[in-house]
Amino acid sequence: MSDAPASGVGAISASGRGVICTATDGTPGALGVLHLALVDSTSADAFDYTQAAGFWSVAFLGVMSLYVVSRCCGVVLDMIRRA
């Protein structure tokens, strides 16, 4: 293993997310950028079950509302088609 810097042709995306490179011997390779974050659970707030239940209820009622509206539209369109 040598300590010589890597050389070759490469392209870096504008966002800095990925690097596509080719080694000097023509071997293709791909490198990625990894971002790590350390989360300390002792400094986190306690889980609020009441707020989570509220979010879940709103999401569930939204899905059910879309289902009922879609079902009613289907019934109306079916009546128009059969008329």
Protein backbone atom coordinates (compact mmCIF):
# COMPACT_ATOMS: atom_id res chain seq x y z
CA MET A 1 0.00 0.00 0.00
CA SER A 2 1.53 3.30 -0.99
CA ASP A 3 0.85 6.69 0.52
CA ALA A 4 0.74 8.35 -2.89
CA PRO A 5 -2.35 10.45 -3.53
CA ALA A 6 -5.01 8.97 -5.76
CA SER A 7 -5.06 10.25 -9.29
CA GLY A 8 -7.47 9.87 -12.15
CA VAL A 9 -10.43 11.44 -13.86
CA GLY A 10 -13.45 12.25 -11.73
CA ALA A 11 -16.63 14.27 -11.53
CA ILE A 12 -18.12 15.81 -8.41
CA SER A 13 -21.78 16.76 -8.36
CA ALA A 14 -22.64 20.39 -7.61
CA SER A 15 -24.21 19.40 -4.31
CA GLY A 16 -21.08 17.53 -3.29
CA ARG A 17 -23.03 14.31 -2.76
CA GLY A 18 -21.24 11.95 -5.05
CA VAL A 19 -17.96 11.41 -6.81
CA ILE A 20 -17.52 9.20 -9.85
CA CYS A 21 -13.91 8.45 -10.62
CA THR A 22 -11.71 6.26 -12.74
CA ALA A 23 -8.35 5.04 -11.51
CA THR A 24 -5.22 5.46 -13.62
CA ASP A 25 -5.45 1.80 -14.65
CA GLY A 26 -9.01 2.32 -15.97
CA THR A 27 -10.80 0.67 -13.06
CA PRO A 28 -14.12 2.44 -12.47
CA GLY A 29 -15.03 3.39 -8.95
CA ALA A 30 -17.59 5.40 -7.06
CA LEU A 31 -17.15 7.26 -3.82
CA GLY A 32 -19.84 8.72 -1.61
CA VAL A 33 -19.99 11.30 1.13
CA LEU A 34 -21.25 10.10 4.47
CA HIS A 35 -22.60 12.52 7.06
CA LEU A 36 -22.81 11.30 10.62
CA ALA A 37 -24.72 12.85 13.48
CA LEU A 38 -24.45 12.01 17.14
CA VAL A 39 -27.78 12.05 18.94
CA ASP A 40 -27.81 12.14 22.71
CA SER A 41 -31.10 10.67 23.92
CA THR A 42 -30.63 12.03 27.42
CA SER A 43 -31.04 15.59 26.15
CA ALA A 44 -34.17 14.74 24.12
CA ASP A 45 -37.61 15.67 25.39
CA ALA A 46 -39.97 12.97 26.58
CA PHE A 47 -42.22 11.46 23.91
CA ASP A 48 -45.57 13.24 23.88
CA TYR A 49 -48.18 10.54 23.31
CA THR A 50 -51.02 13.07 23.25
CA GLN A 51 -49.45 15.04 20.41
CA ALA A 52 -48.59 11.84 18.53
CA ALA A 53 -52.18 10.64 18.88
CA GLY A 54 -53.38 13.98 17.51
CA PHE A 55 -51.10 13.73 14.47
CA TRP A 56 -52.16 10.12 13.88
CA SER A 57 -55.85 11.06 14.17
CA VAL A 58 -55.52 13.90 11.67
CA ALA A 59 -53.69 11.65 9.21
CA PHE A 60 -56.22 8.83 9.62
CA LEU A 61 -59.20 11.15 9.23
CA GLY A 62 -57.58 12.69 6.15
CA VAL A 63 -57.19 9.28 4.51
CA MET A 64 -60.74 8.27 5.43
CA SER A 65 -62.09 11.58 4.10
CA LEU A 66 -60.32 11.07 0.78
CA TYR A 67 -61.74 7.55 0.60
CA VAL A 68 -65.31 8.74 1.23
CA VAL A 69 -65.02 11.59 -1.29
CA SER A 70 -63.55 9.24 -3.90
CA ARG A 71 -66.26 6.67 -3.25
CA CYS A 72 -69.00 9.30 -3.63
CA CYS A 73 -67.45 10.59 -6.85
CA GLY A 74 -67.35 7.03 -8.16
CA VAL A 75 -71.03 6.52 -7.32
CA VAL A 76 -72.01 9.77 -9.05
CA LEU A 77 -69.93 8.95 -12.14
CA ASP A 78 -71.43 5.45 -12.23
CA MET A 79 -74.95 6.94 -12.10
CA ILE A 80 -74.07 9.32 -14.95
CA ARG A 81 -72.58 6.50 -17.01
CA ARG A 82 -75.66 4.29 -16.58
CA ALA A 83 -78.16 7.09 -17.26
